[in-house]
Amino acid sequence: MSDVVTLLVPTTTVTTTNSSTLVNTTPTSTLVTLSGQTGAQGAPGNIFYTYTQSSPSALWVIHHALNGYPVAVVMDTAGTVCEGTISYTDSNTCTISFSAAFSGTAYII
């Protein structure tokens, strides 16, 4: 199988006059044919996890089972995005610390 893609390749022009040198780099569009075997399909699985903290807490321990170190978007019950400090116990558990206790939802991706 082969695909034709367009790459932007930098073209550099160097001009020297007297004691100064001017270097100009501009992107140039180039067609490239890529070929090779198609890789194996990835394993099916979850790519996100939704966690609900129903009672107010300044420390949320989340068992997400995503087998990785994801990021989190946290919202309080009013829908305001909240910032916290995330740490990882292991590849399936993270802890988010906040400056004050509140309840809400963490979207782990």
N, C-alpha and C. Protein backbone atom coordinates (compact mmCIF):
# COMPACT_ATOMS: atom_id res chain seq x y z
N MET A 1 0.85 -1.18 0.00
CA MET A 1 0.00 0.00 0.00
C MET A 1 0.89 1.24 0.00
N SER A 2 0.49 2.26 -0.73
CA SER A 2 1.26 3.50 -0.71
C SER A 2 0.32 4.68 -0.67
N ASP A 3 0.79 5.75 -0.06
CA ASP A 3 0.03 6.99 0.05
C ASP A 3 0.90 8.12 -0.45
N VAL A 4 0.26 9.10 -1.07
CA VAL A 4 0.98 10.30 -1.49
C VAL A 4 0.61 11.40 -0.52
N VAL A 5 1.62 12.01 0.09
CA VAL A 5 1.40 13.08 1.06
C VAL A 5 2.20 14.31 0.65
N THR A 6 1.78 15.44 1.11
CA THR A 6 2.51 16.68 0.85
C THR A 6 3.25 17.07 2.12
N LEU A 7 4.55 17.25 1.99
CA LEU A 7 5.38 17.68 3.12
C LEU A 7 5.86 19.10 2.86
N LEU A 8 6.02 19.86 3.92
CA LEU A 8 6.65 21.17 3.81
C LEU A 8 8.11 20.99 4.19
N VAL A 9 8.97 21.11 3.21
CA VAL A 9 10.40 20.90 3.41
C VAL A 9 11.07 22.28 3.44
N PRO A 10 11.87 22.57 4.45
CA PRO A 10 12.53 23.88 4.49
C PRO A 10 13.64 23.98 3.43
N THR A 11 13.65 25.09 2.73
CA THR A 11 14.70 25.38 1.77
C THR A 11 15.49 26.56 2.33
N THR A 12 16.78 26.37 2.48
CA THR A 12 17.62 27.42 3.07
C THR A 12 18.50 28.04 2.00
N THR A 13 18.47 29.37 1.96
CA THR A 13 19.31 30.14 1.04
C THR A 13 20.27 30.97 1.88
N VAL A 14 21.56 30.87 1.59
CA VAL A 14 22.57 31.64 2.32
C VAL A 14 23.21 32.62 1.34
N THR A 15 23.17 33.90 1.69
CA THR A 15 23.76 34.94 0.86
C THR A 15 24.80 35.69 1.68
N THR A 16 26.03 35.77 1.16
CA THR A 16 27.09 36.47 1.87
C THR A 16 27.52 37.68 1.04
N THR A 17 27.49 38.85 1.69
CA THR A 17 27.96 40.08 1.04
C THR A 17 28.86 40.81 2.02
N ASN A 18 30.05 41.16 1.58
CA ASN A 18 31.03 41.83 2.43
C ASN A 18 31.21 41.07 3.74
N SER A 19 30.80 41.65 4.86
CA SER A 19 31.02 41.01 6.14
C SER A 19 29.73 40.48 6.77
N SER A 20 28.62 40.47 6.02
CA SER A 20 27.36 39.98 6.58
C SER A 20 26.86 38.77 5.80
N THR A 21 26.15 37.92 6.53
CA THR A 21 25.57 36.72 5.94
C THR A 21 24.08 36.72 6.22
N LEU A 22 23.29 36.51 5.19
CA LEU A 22 21.84 36.46 5.30
C LEU A 22 21.40 35.01 5.08
N VAL A 23 20.70 34.46 6.06
CA VAL A 23 20.18 33.10 5.94
C VAL A 23 18.67 33.20 5.88
N ASN A 24 18.08 32.66 4.82
CA ASN A 24 16.64 32.71 4.64
C ASN A 24 16.11 31.28 4.49
N THR A 25 15.18 30.89 5.35
CA THR A 25 14.59 29.56 5.28
C THR A 25 13.11 29.70 4.97
N THR A 26 12.67 29.07 3.89
CA THR A 26 11.27 29.11 3.51
C THR A 26 10.76 27.69 3.29
N PRO A 27 9.52 27.43 3.69
CA PRO A 27 8.97 26.10 3.46
C PRO A 27 8.61 25.90 1.99
N THR A 28 8.91 24.75 1.44
CA THR A 28 8.59 24.42 0.07
C THR A 28 7.73 23.16 0.08
N SER A 29 6.63 23.19 -0.63
CA SER A 29 5.73 22.05 -0.69
C SER A 29 6.32 20.98 -1.60
N THR A 30 6.39 19.75 -1.11
CA THR A 30 6.98 18.63 -1.86
C THR A 30 6.06 17.42 -1.75
N LEU A 31 5.77 16.77 -2.87
CA LEU A 31 4.98 15.55 -2.86
C LEU A 31 5.90 14.37 -2.61
N VAL A 32 5.51 13.50 -1.69
CA VAL A 32 6.31 12.34 -1.33
C VAL A 32 5.40 11.12 -1.34
N THR A 33 5.87 10.02 -1.89
CA THR A 33 5.11 8.76 -1.85
C THR A 33 5.66 7.90 -0.72
N LEU A 34 4.78 7.53 0.19
CA LEU A 34 5.17 6.68 1.30
C LEU A 34 4.59 5.29 1.06
N SER A 35 5.38 4.27 1.31
CA SER A 35 4.86 2.92 1.13
C SER A 35 5.33 2.04 2.27
N GLY A 36 4.62 0.96 2.47
CA GLY A 36 4.96 0.02 3.53
C GLY A 36 3.73 -0.73 3.95
N GLN A 37 3.92 -1.65 4.84
CA GLN A 37 2.80 -2.45 5.32
C GLN A 37 2.00 -1.68 6.35
N THR A 38 0.73 -1.94 6.36
CA THR A 38 -0.14 -1.35 7.37
C THR A 38 0.08 -2.08 8.69
N GLY A 39 0.20 -1.33 9.75
CA GLY A 39 0.43 -1.92 11.07
C GLY A 39 -0.81 -2.61 11.59
N ALA A 40 -0.62 -3.41 12.61
CA ALA A 40 -1.73 -4.13 13.23
C ALA A 40 -2.66 -3.16 13.94
N GLN A 41 -3.93 -3.50 13.96
CA GLN A 41 -4.91 -2.67 14.65
C GLN A 41 -4.66 -2.74 16.14
N GLY A 42 -4.79 -1.61 16.81
CA GLY A 42 -4.59 -1.58 18.26
C GLY A 42 -5.68 -2.34 18.99
N ALA A 43 -5.38 -2.70 20.21
CA ALA A 43 -6.34 -3.44 21.03
C ALA A 43 -7.50 -2.53 21.40
N PRO A 44 -8.70 -3.07 21.40
CA PRO A 44 -9.85 -2.25 21.81
C PRO A 44 -9.76 -1.97 23.30
N GLY A 45 -10.33 -0.89 23.70
CA GLY A 45 -10.32 -0.57 25.13
C GLY A 45 -10.80 0.84 25.36
N ASN A 46 -10.93 1.19 26.61
CA ASN A 46 -11.37 2.52 26.97
C ASN A 46 -10.24 3.52 26.80
N ILE A 47 -10.59 4.71 26.35
CA ILE A 47 -9.60 5.76 26.23
C ILE A 47 -9.93 6.93 27.16
N PHE A 48 -11.02 6.81 27.92
CA PHE A 48 -11.36 7.84 28.89
C PHE A 48 -12.14 7.22 30.04
N TYR A 49 -12.22 7.99 31.12
CA TYR A 49 -12.94 7.53 32.30
C TYR A 49 -13.57 8.75 32.95
N THR A 50 -14.82 8.62 33.37
CA THR A 50 -15.50 9.71 34.07
C THR A 50 -15.64 9.33 35.53
N TYR A 51 -15.15 10.21 36.40
CA TYR A 51 -15.17 9.97 37.85
C TYR A 51 -16.04 11.04 38.50
N THR A 52 -16.93 10.64 39.38
CA THR A 52 -17.77 11.59 40.11
C THR A 52 -17.40 11.56 41.59
N GLN A 53 -17.05 12.73 42.10
CA GLN A 53 -16.76 12.91 43.53
C GLN A 53 -18.03 13.50 44.14
N SER A 54 -18.83 12.65 44.79
CA SER A 54 -20.14 13.11 45.26
C SER A 54 -20.08 13.87 46.59
N SER A 55 -19.12 13.53 47.45
CA SER A 55 -19.00 14.28 48.71
C SER A 55 -17.80 15.21 48.60
N PRO A 56 -17.91 16.43 49.14
CA PRO A 56 -16.80 17.39 49.02
C PRO A 56 -15.50 16.84 49.60
N SER A 57 -14.42 17.00 48.85
CA SER A 57 -13.10 16.55 49.31
C SER A 57 -12.04 17.37 48.59
N ALA A 58 -10.92 17.61 49.27
CA ALA A 58 -9.78 18.31 48.66
C ALA A 58 -8.79 17.32 48.06
N LEU A 59 -9.04 16.03 48.25
CA LEU A 59 -8.16 14.98 47.73
C LEU A 59 -9.03 13.92 47.04
N TRP A 60 -8.90 13.81 45.72
CA TRP A 60 -9.68 12.83 44.97
C TRP A 60 -8.76 11.70 44.54
N VAL A 61 -9.05 10.48 44.96
CA VAL A 61 -8.30 9.30 44.55
C VAL A 61 -9.14 8.59 43.49
N ILE A 62 -8.58 8.46 42.29
CA ILE A 62 -9.34 7.96 41.14
C ILE A 62 -8.71 6.68 40.60
N HIS A 63 -9.47 5.60 40.65
CA HIS A 63 -9.04 4.32 40.07
C HIS A 63 -9.65 4.25 38.66
N HIS A 64 -8.86 4.57 37.64
CA HIS A 64 -9.39 4.69 36.28
C HIS A 64 -9.19 3.45 35.42
N ALA A 65 -8.25 2.57 35.73
CA ALA A 65 -7.99 1.33 34.98
C ALA A 65 -7.70 1.57 33.50
N LEU A 66 -7.04 2.69 33.16
CA LEU A 66 -6.70 2.98 31.76
C LEU A 66 -5.30 2.49 31.39
N ASN A 67 -4.58 1.95 32.36
CA ASN A 67 -3.24 1.43 32.14
C ASN A 67 -2.32 2.47 31.49
N GLY A 68 -2.24 3.63 32.12
CA GLY A 68 -1.39 4.71 31.62
C GLY A 68 -1.41 5.88 32.58
N TYR A 69 -0.87 6.99 32.14
CA TYR A 69 -0.77 8.18 32.97
C TYR A 69 -1.52 9.32 32.27
N PRO A 70 -2.84 9.32 32.41
CA PRO A 70 -3.68 10.27 31.67
C PRO A 70 -3.70 11.66 32.29
N VAL A 71 -4.33 12.58 31.59
CA VAL A 71 -4.58 13.92 32.10
C VAL A 71 -6.02 13.98 32.59
N ALA A 72 -6.34 15.01 33.35
CA ALA A 72 -7.70 15.13 33.88
C ALA A 72 -8.21 16.55 33.70
N VAL A 73 -9.49 16.64 33.38
CA VAL A 73 -10.20 17.92 33.38
C VAL A 73 -11.24 17.80 34.48
N VAL A 74 -11.20 18.71 35.44
CA VAL A 74 -12.08 18.63 36.61
C VAL A 74 -13.04 19.81 36.60
N MET A 75 -14.30 19.49 36.87
CA MET A 75 -15.34 20.53 36.96
C MET A 75 -16.10 20.35 38.25
N ASP A 76 -16.41 21.47 38.91
CA ASP A 76 -17.23 21.39 40.12
C ASP A 76 -18.70 21.22 39.72
N THR A 77 -19.58 21.10 40.69
CA THR A 77 -20.99 20.86 40.39
C THR A 77 -21.66 22.03 39.68
N ALA A 78 -21.05 23.21 39.70
CA ALA A 78 -21.59 24.37 38.99
C ALA A 78 -21.09 24.43 37.55
N GLY A 79 -20.17 23.51 37.19
CA GLY A 79 -19.65 23.48 35.82
C GLY A 79 -18.39 24.31 35.62
N THR A 80 -17.78 24.78 36.70
CA THR A 80 -16.55 25.56 36.62
C THR A 80 -15.34 24.64 36.57
N VAL A 81 -14.44 24.89 35.63
CA VAL A 81 -13.22 24.08 35.54
C VAL A 81 -12.32 24.43 36.72
N CYS A 82 -11.81 23.41 37.40
CA CYS A 82 -11.00 23.59 38.60
C CYS A 82 -9.60 23.02 38.38
N GLU A 83 -8.60 23.71 38.92
CA GLU A 83 -7.22 23.25 38.80
C GLU A 83 -6.77 22.56 40.06
N GLY A 84 -6.03 21.47 39.88
CA GLY A 84 -5.48 20.74 41.00
C GLY A 84 -4.13 20.18 40.61
N THR A 85 -3.51 19.48 41.52
CA THR A 85 -2.22 18.83 41.28
C THR A 85 -2.44 17.34 41.18
N ILE A 86 -2.05 16.77 40.04
CA ILE A 86 -2.26 15.34 39.83
C ILE A 86 -0.97 14.57 40.09
N SER A 87 -1.11 13.44 40.77
CA SER A 87 0.02 12.53 40.99
C SER A 87 -0.47 11.12 40.69
N TYR A 88 0.47 10.24 40.38
CA TYR A 88 0.12 8.89 39.95
C TYR A 88 0.63 7.86 40.95
N THR A 89 -0.28 7.07 41.50
CA THR A 89 0.10 5.98 42.39
C THR A 89 0.69 4.84 41.56
N ASP A 90 0.02 4.55 40.45
CA ASP A 90 0.47 3.55 39.48
C ASP A 90 -0.22 3.86 38.16
N SER A 91 -0.11 2.97 37.19
CA SER A 91 -0.67 3.25 35.86
C SER A 91 -2.19 3.16 35.80
N ASN A 92 -2.83 2.83 36.91
CA ASN A 92 -4.28 2.74 36.94
C ASN A 92 -4.94 3.58 38.02
N THR A 93 -4.14 4.35 38.76
CA THR A 93 -4.68 5.16 39.85
C THR A 93 -3.98 6.52 39.88
N CYS A 94 -4.77 7.56 39.99
CA CYS A 94 -4.20 8.90 40.16
C CYS A 94 -4.89 9.60 41.32
N THR A 95 -4.22 10.58 41.87
CA THR A 95 -4.76 11.39 42.97
C THR A 95 -4.68 12.84 42.55
N ILE A 96 -5.77 13.57 42.72
CA ILE A 96 -5.78 15.00 42.41
C ILE A 96 -6.01 15.75 43.72
N SER A 97 -5.10 16.69 44.02
CA SER A 97 -5.17 17.50 45.23
C SER A 97 -5.64 18.90 44.88
N PHE A 98 -6.53 19.44 45.69
CA PHE A 98 -7.06 20.78 45.49
C PHE A 98 -6.84 21.62 46.74
N SER A 99 -6.94 22.95 46.62
CA SER A 99 -6.74 23.84 47.76
C SER A 99 -7.95 23.89 48.68
N ALA A 100 -9.10 23.43 48.19
CA ALA A 100 -10.32 23.43 49.00
C ALA A 100 -11.16 22.21 48.64
N ALA A 101 -11.99 21.80 49.57
CA ALA A 101 -12.87 20.65 49.32
C ALA A 101 -14.07 21.06 48.49
N PHE A 102 -14.43 20.23 47.51
CA PHE A 102 -15.63 20.43 46.72
C PHE A 102 -15.99 19.11 46.06
N SER A 103 -17.17 19.03 45.49
CA SER A 103 -17.58 17.83 44.75
C SER A 103 -17.72 18.21 43.29
N GLY A 104 -17.67 17.20 42.43
CA GLY A 104 -17.77 17.46 41.01
C GLY A 104 -17.40 16.23 40.19
N THR A 105 -16.91 16.47 38.98
CA THR A 105 -16.61 15.39 38.04
C THR A 105 -15.22 15.58 37.46
N ALA A 106 -14.48 14.47 37.33
CA ALA A 106 -13.18 14.48 36.67
C ALA A 106 -13.31 13.65 35.40
N TYR A 107 -12.90 14.24 34.29
CA TYR A 107 -12.86 13.53 33.02
C TYR A 107 -11.43 13.14 32.78
N ILE A 108 -11.15 11.85 32.84
CA ILE A 108 -9.79 11.33 32.73
C ILE A 108 -9.58 10.86 31.30
N ILE A 109 -8.59 11.44 30.62
CA ILE A 109 -8.33 11.08 29.22
C ILE A 109 -6.86 10.86 28.97
